[in-house]
Amino acid sequence: MLPHAAIMEQKLAAQDMEMQRILKENQRLAAILSVLRRELAGNQRELQRMDAHMGAMKDEQDKHMRGLLDKIAKMEADLKASETVKVELQQAHAEAHSLMVVRQDLMANAQKLNQDIQKSHAGVQEVPALMSELNNINQEYHHCRAIYDYEKKLHSDYYEHFRLWRRTIT
């Protein structure tokens, strides 16, 4: 058995060795902690930089999305406007077709009127000859009327004379 002092010295030496080991371990852990803190600080800076970059990317993406949404809205408006234009174009086409039909009718009427005018013009050119013929017929009528009136008077005078003669005879 070792004396009590030697035991105590062994215990103290063991404790001192343990403390040396713990101190070394503590120093090693402190060094690791220091490295980890530096890495943590670096990672936090990197994370902040990445957050800022992500924010910028998100802003850029939001800006791009707003641009796309605006473009889509404009395209939809253009599409609606083109639908309106398409309907108006169809209406204009139908109206043009209707006007073409009316134009064809008017052209047919104009041709008919031109033919009527030509016939009337031909008739107008015949008017002097017809007027001359009418004058001749009128003169002939007056001549025939004069002969008729003369013969009627002659017949009346003859009848009156005959009646008087007959009365004197009877």
C-alpha atoms as a PDB file:
ATOM      1  CA  MET A   1       0.000   0.000   0.000  1.00  0.00           C
ATOM      2  CA  LEU A   2       1.270   3.289  -0.863  1.00  0.00           C
ATOM      3  CA  PRO A   3       1.238   5.955   1.666  1.00  0.00           C
ATOM      4  CA  HIS A   4      -1.552   8.370   1.572  1.00  0.00           C
ATOM      5  CA  ALA A   5       0.619  11.160   0.228  1.00  0.00           C
ATOM      6  CA  ALA A   6       1.713   9.082  -2.703  1.00  0.00           C
ATOM      7  CA  ILE A   7      -1.876   8.197  -3.490  1.00  0.00           C
ATOM      8  CA  MET A   8      -2.744  11.787  -3.350  1.00  0.00           C
ATOM      9  CA  GLU A   9       0.157  12.626  -5.590  1.00  0.00           C
ATOM     10  CA  GLN A  10      -0.934  10.001  -8.057  1.00  0.00           C
ATOM     11  CA  LYS A  11      -4.458  11.337  -7.927  1.00  0.00           C
ATOM     12  CA  LEU A  12      -3.147  14.846  -8.357  1.00  0.00           C
ATOM     13  CA  ALA A  13      -0.888  13.716 -11.223  1.00  0.00           C
ATOM     14  CA  ALA A  14      -3.832  11.876 -12.783  1.00  0.00           C
ATOM     15  CA  GLN A  15      -6.024  14.935 -12.297  1.00  0.00           C
ATOM     16  CA  ASP A  16      -3.256  17.155 -13.685  1.00  0.00           C
ATOM     17  CA  MET A  17      -2.956  14.870 -16.709  1.00  0.00           C
ATOM     18  CA  GLU A  18      -6.711  14.870 -17.022  1.00  0.00           C
ATOM     19  CA  MET A  19      -6.745  18.644 -16.756  1.00  0.00           C
ATOM     20  CA  GLN A  20      -3.935  18.856 -19.331  1.00  0.00           C
ATOM     21  CA  ARG A  21      -5.944  16.560 -21.597  1.00  0.00           C
ATOM     22  CA  ILE A  22      -9.122  18.600 -20.973  1.00  0.00           C
ATOM     23  CA  LEU A  23      -7.161  21.816 -21.520  1.00  0.00           C
ATOM     24  CA  LYS A  24      -5.790  20.474 -24.811  1.00  0.00           C
ATOM     25  CA  GLU A  25      -9.249  19.263 -25.716  1.00  0.00           C
ATOM     26  CA  ASN A  26     -10.643  22.648 -24.662  1.00  0.00           C
ATOM     27  CA  GLN A  27      -7.982  24.429 -26.771  1.00  0.00           C
ATOM     28  CA  ARG A  28      -8.703  22.123 -29.678  1.00  0.00           C
ATOM     29  CA  LEU A  29     -12.460  22.761 -29.250  1.00  0.00           C
ATOM     30  CA  ALA A  30     -11.795  26.507 -28.902  1.00  0.00           C
ATOM     31  CA  ALA A  31      -9.799  26.388 -32.138  1.00  0.00           C
ATOM     32  CA  ILE A  32     -12.594  24.419 -33.791  1.00  0.00           C
ATOM     33  CA  LEU A  33     -15.128  26.871 -32.328  1.00  0.00           C
ATOM     34  CA  SER A  34     -13.092  29.789 -33.671  1.00  0.00           C
ATOM     35  CA  VAL A  35     -12.910  28.129 -37.102  1.00  0.00           C
ATOM     36  CA  LEU A  36     -16.613  27.335 -36.927  1.00  0.00           C
ATOM     37  CA  ARG A  37     -17.416  30.929 -35.932  1.00  0.00           C
ATOM     38  CA  ARG A  38     -15.340  32.218 -38.853  1.00  0.00           C
ATOM     39  CA  GLU A  39     -17.053  29.750 -41.155  1.00  0.00           C
ATOM     40  CA  LEU A  40     -20.425  30.728 -39.651  1.00  0.00           C
ATOM     41  CA  ALA A  41     -19.629  34.418 -40.203  1.00  0.00           C
ATOM     42  CA  GLY A  42     -18.503  33.638 -43.761  1.00  0.00           C
ATOM     43  CA  ASN A  43     -21.575  31.502 -44.339  1.00  0.00           C
ATOM     44  CA  GLN A  44     -23.796  34.238 -42.881  1.00  0.00           C
ATOM     45  CA  ARG A  45     -22.156  36.773 -45.210  1.00  0.00           C
ATOM     46  CA  GLU A  46     -22.596  34.332 -48.095  1.00  0.00           C
ATOM     47  CA  LEU A  47     -26.209  33.772 -47.016  1.00  0.00           C
ATOM     48  CA  GLN A  48     -26.793  37.545 -46.889  1.00  0.00           C
ATOM     49  CA  ARG A  49     -25.156  37.899 -50.286  1.00  0.00           C
ATOM     50  CA  MET A  50     -27.302  35.047 -51.586  1.00  0.00           C
ATOM     51  CA  ASP A  51     -30.407  36.599 -49.974  1.00  0.00           C
ATOM     52  CA  ALA A  52     -29.575  39.888 -51.678  1.00  0.00           C
ATOM     53  CA  HIS A  53     -28.925  38.061 -54.944  1.00  0.00           C
ATOM     54  CA  MET A  54     -32.162  36.070 -54.499  1.00  0.00           C
ATOM     55  CA  GLY A  55     -34.017  39.331 -53.771  1.00  0.00           C
ATOM     56  CA  ALA A  56     -32.548  40.873 -56.914  1.00  0.00           C
ATOM     57  CA  MET A  57     -33.403  37.735 -58.872  1.00  0.00           C
ATOM     58  CA  LYS A  58     -36.929  37.770 -57.399  1.00  0.00           C
ATOM     59  CA  ASP A  59     -37.296  41.450 -58.292  1.00  0.00           C
ATOM     60  CA  GLU A  60     -36.005  40.733 -61.793  1.00  0.00           C
ATOM     61  CA  GLN A  61     -38.340  37.728 -62.076  1.00  0.00           C
ATOM     62  CA  ASP A  62     -41.274  39.828 -60.774  1.00  0.00           C
ATOM     63  CA  LYS A  63     -40.362  42.555 -63.254  1.00  0.00           C
ATOM     64  CA  HIS A  64     -40.164  39.971 -66.044  1.00  0.00           C
ATOM     65  CA  MET A  65     -43.495  38.443 -64.946  1.00  0.00           C
ATOM     66  CA  ARG A  66     -45.135  41.889 -64.888  1.00  0.00           C
ATOM     67  CA  GLY A  67     -43.729  42.486 -68.368  1.00  0.00           C
ATOM     68  CA  LEU A  68     -45.116  39.147 -69.530  1.00  0.00           C
ATOM     69  CA  LEU A  69     -48.483  39.846 -67.891  1.00  0.00           C
ATOM     70  CA  ASP A  70     -48.571  43.271 -69.543  1.00  0.00           C
ATOM     71  CA  LYS A  71     -47.641  41.671 -72.852  1.00  0.00           C
ATOM     72  CA  ILE A  72     -50.374  39.043 -72.407  1.00  0.00           C
ATOM     73  CA  ALA A  73     -52.915  41.738 -71.509  1.00  0.00           C
ATOM     74  CA  LYS A  74     -51.866  43.750 -74.569  1.00  0.00           C
ATOM     75  CA  MET A  75     -52.098  40.651 -76.764  1.00  0.00           C
ATOM     76  CA  GLU A  76     -55.546  39.871 -75.353  1.00  0.00           C
ATOM     77  CA  ALA A  77     -56.619  43.467 -76.012  1.00  0.00           C
ATOM     78  CA  ASP A  78     -55.181  43.234 -79.533  1.00  0.00           C
ATOM     79  CA  LEU A  79     -56.972  39.925 -80.013  1.00  0.00           C
ATOM     80  CA  LYS A  80     -60.260  41.444 -78.835  1.00  0.00           C
ATOM     81  CA  ALA A  81     -59.645  44.451 -81.076  1.00  0.00           C
ATOM     82  CA  SER A  82     -58.842  42.168 -83.981  1.00  0.00           C
ATOM     83  CA  GLU A  83     -62.069  40.256 -83.303  1.00  0.00           C
ATOM     84  CA  THR A  84     -63.924  43.569 -83.484  1.00  0.00           C
ATOM     85  CA  VAL A  85     -62.062  44.452 -86.666  1.00  0.00           C
ATOM     86  CA  LYS A  86     -62.830  40.982 -88.035  1.00  0.00           C
ATOM     87  CA  VAL A  87     -66.562  41.460 -87.329  1.00  0.00           C
ATOM     88  CA  GLU A  88     -66.434  44.952 -88.847  1.00  0.00           C
ATOM     89  CA  LEU A  89     -64.594  43.554 -91.861  1.00  0.00           C
ATOM     90  CA  GLN A  90     -67.243  40.867 -92.301  1.00  0.00           C
ATOM     91  CA  GLN A  91     -69.968  43.523 -92.031  1.00  0.00           C
ATOM     92  CA  ALA A  92     -68.136  45.733 -94.520  1.00  0.00           C
ATOM     93  CA  HIS A  93     -67.758  42.743 -96.858  1.00  0.00           C
ATOM     94  CA  ALA A  94     -71.494  41.997 -96.597  1.00  0.00           C
ATOM     95  CA  GLU A  95     -72.300  45.666 -97.184  1.00  0.00           C
ATOM     96  CA  ALA A  96     -69.928  45.757-100.166  1.00  0.00           C
ATOM     97  CA  HIS A  97     -71.635  42.676-101.584  1.00  0.00           C
ATOM     98  CA  SER A  98     -75.027  44.332-101.052  1.00  0.00           C
ATOM     99  CA  LEU A  99     -73.756  47.495-102.746  1.00  0.00           C
ATOM    100  CA  MET A 100     -72.462  45.425-105.656  1.00  0.00           C
ATOM    101  CA  VAL A 101     -75.934  43.893-106.089  1.00  0.00           C
ATOM    102  CA  VAL A 102     -77.499  47.368-105.949  1.00  0.00           C
ATOM    103  CA  ARG A 103     -74.865  48.609-108.418  1.00  0.00           C
ATOM    104  CA  GLN A 104     -75.672  45.783-110.813  1.00  0.00           C
ATOM    105  CA  ASP A 105     -79.390  46.609-110.532  1.00  0.00           C
ATOM    106  CA  LEU A 106     -78.644  50.278-111.173  1.00  0.00           C
ATOM    107  CA  MET A 107     -76.458  49.390-114.150  1.00  0.00           C
ATOM    108  CA  ALA A 108     -79.265  47.222-115.593  1.00  0.00           C
ATOM    109  CA  ASN A 109     -81.742  50.079-115.010  1.00  0.00           C
ATOM    110  CA  ALA A 110     -79.306  52.546-116.609  1.00  0.00           C
ATOM    111  CA  GLN A 111     -78.964  50.312-119.679  1.00  0.00           C
ATOM    112  CA  LYS A 112     -82.755  50.025-119.918  1.00  0.00           C
ATOM    113  CA  LEU A 113     -83.089  53.802-119.588  1.00  0.00           C
ATOM    114  CA  ASN A 114     -80.409  54.292-122.269  1.00  0.00           C
ATOM    115  CA  GLN A 115     -82.332  51.975-124.575  1.00  0.00           C
ATOM    116  CA  ASP A 116     -85.563  53.868-123.796  1.00  0.00           C
ATOM    117  CA  ILE A 117     -83.767  57.168-124.465  1.00  0.00           C
ATOM    118  CA  GLN A 118     -82.493  55.838-127.796  1.00  0.00           C
ATOM    119  CA  LYS A 119     -86.011  54.714-128.703  1.00  0.00           C
ATOM    120  CA  SER A 120     -87.372  58.103-127.622  1.00  0.00           C
ATOM    121  CA  HIS A 121     -84.666  59.841-129.604  1.00  0.00           C
ATOM    122  CA  ALA A 122     -85.590  57.779-132.646  1.00  0.00           C
ATOM    123  CA  GLY A 123     -89.241  58.706-131.970  1.00  0.00           C
ATOM    124  CA  VAL A 124     -88.321  62.384-131.651  1.00  0.00           C
ATOM    125  CA  GLN A 125     -86.572  62.241-135.002  1.00  0.00           C
ATOM    126  CA  GLU A 126     -89.809  60.888-136.479  1.00  0.00           C
ATOM    127  CA  VAL A 127     -91.816  63.819-134.998  1.00  0.00           C
ATOM    128  CA  PRO A 128     -91.244  66.258-137.883  1.00  0.00           C
ATOM    129  CA  ALA A 129     -92.352  63.610-140.393  1.00  0.00           C
ATOM    130  CA  LEU A 130     -95.342  62.745-138.169  1.00  0.00           C
ATOM    131  CA  MET A 131     -96.158  66.446-137.761  1.00  0.00           C
ATOM    132  CA  SER A 132     -96.051  66.901-141.516  1.00  0.00           C
ATOM    133  CA  GLU A 133     -98.259  63.832-141.957  1.00  0.00           C
ATOM    134  CA  LEU A 134    -100.598  65.168-139.247  1.00  0.00           C
ATOM    135  CA  ASN A 135    -100.802  68.520-141.065  1.00  0.00           C
ATOM    136  CA  ASN A 136    -101.574  66.714-144.296  1.00  0.00           C
ATOM    137  CA  ILE A 137    -104.228  64.603-142.569  1.00  0.00           C
ATOM    138  CA  ASN A 138    -105.624  67.727-140.893  1.00  0.00           C
ATOM    139  CA  GLN A 139    -105.798  69.540-144.233  1.00  0.00           C
ATOM    140  CA  GLU A 140    -107.425  66.509-145.792  1.00  0.00           C
ATOM    141  CA  TYR A 141    -109.863  66.389-142.885  1.00  0.00           C
ATOM    142  CA  HIS A 142    -110.768  70.066-143.356  1.00  0.00           C
ATOM    143  CA  HIS A 143    -111.130  69.509-147.071  1.00  0.00           C
ATOM    144  CA  CYS A 144    -113.312  66.415-146.489  1.00  0.00           C
ATOM    145  CA  ARG A 145    -115.305  68.340-143.890  1.00  0.00           C
ATOM    146  CA  ALA A 146    -115.849  71.189-146.293  1.00  0.00           C
ATOM    147  CA  ILE A 147    -116.997  68.712-148.972  1.00  0.00           C
ATOM    148  CA  TYR A 148    -119.221  66.978-146.421  1.00  0.00           C
ATOM    149  CA  ASP A 149    -120.741  70.276-145.241  1.00  0.00           C
ATOM    150  CA  TYR A 150    -121.214  71.337-148.841  1.00  0.00           C
ATOM    151  CA  GLU A 151    -122.836  68.037-149.826  1.00  0.00           C
ATOM    152  CA  LYS A 152    -124.945  68.061-146.669  1.00  0.00           C
ATOM    153  CA  LYS A 153    -126.176  71.538-147.514  1.00  0.00           C
ATOM    154  CA  LEU A 154    -126.703  70.498-151.096  1.00  0.00           C
ATOM    155  CA  HIS A 155    -128.595  67.430-149.959  1.00  0.00           C
ATOM    156  CA  SER A 156    -130.622  69.486-147.536  1.00  0.00           C
ATOM    157  CA  ASP A 157    -131.400  72.034-150.199  1.00  0.00           C
ATOM    158  CA  TYR A 158    -132.271  69.258-152.595  1.00  0.00           C
ATOM    159  CA  TYR A 159    -134.485  67.582-150.001  1.00  0.00           C
ATOM    160  CA  GLU A 160    -136.165  70.889-149.212  1.00  0.00           C
ATOM    161  CA  HIS A 161    -136.649  71.545-152.865  1.00  0.00           C
ATOM    162  CA  PHE A 162    -137.973  68.044-153.414  1.00  0.00           C
ATOM    163  CA  ARG A 163    -140.404  68.366-150.532  1.00  0.00           C
ATOM    164  CA  LEU A 164    -141.678  71.671-151.855  1.00  0.00           C
ATOM    165  CA  TRP A 165    -142.042  70.238-155.269  1.00  0.00           C
ATOM    166  CA  ARG A 166    -143.930  67.277-153.978  1.00  0.00           C
ATOM    167  CA  ARG A 167    -146.296  69.462-152.081  1.00  0.00           C
ATOM    168  CA  THR A 168    -146.972  71.454-155.126  1.00  0.00           C
ATOM    169  CA  ILE A 169    -147.663  68.373-157.097  1.00  0.00           C
ATOM    170  CA  THR A 170    -150.008  66.862-154.712  1.00  0.00           C
END
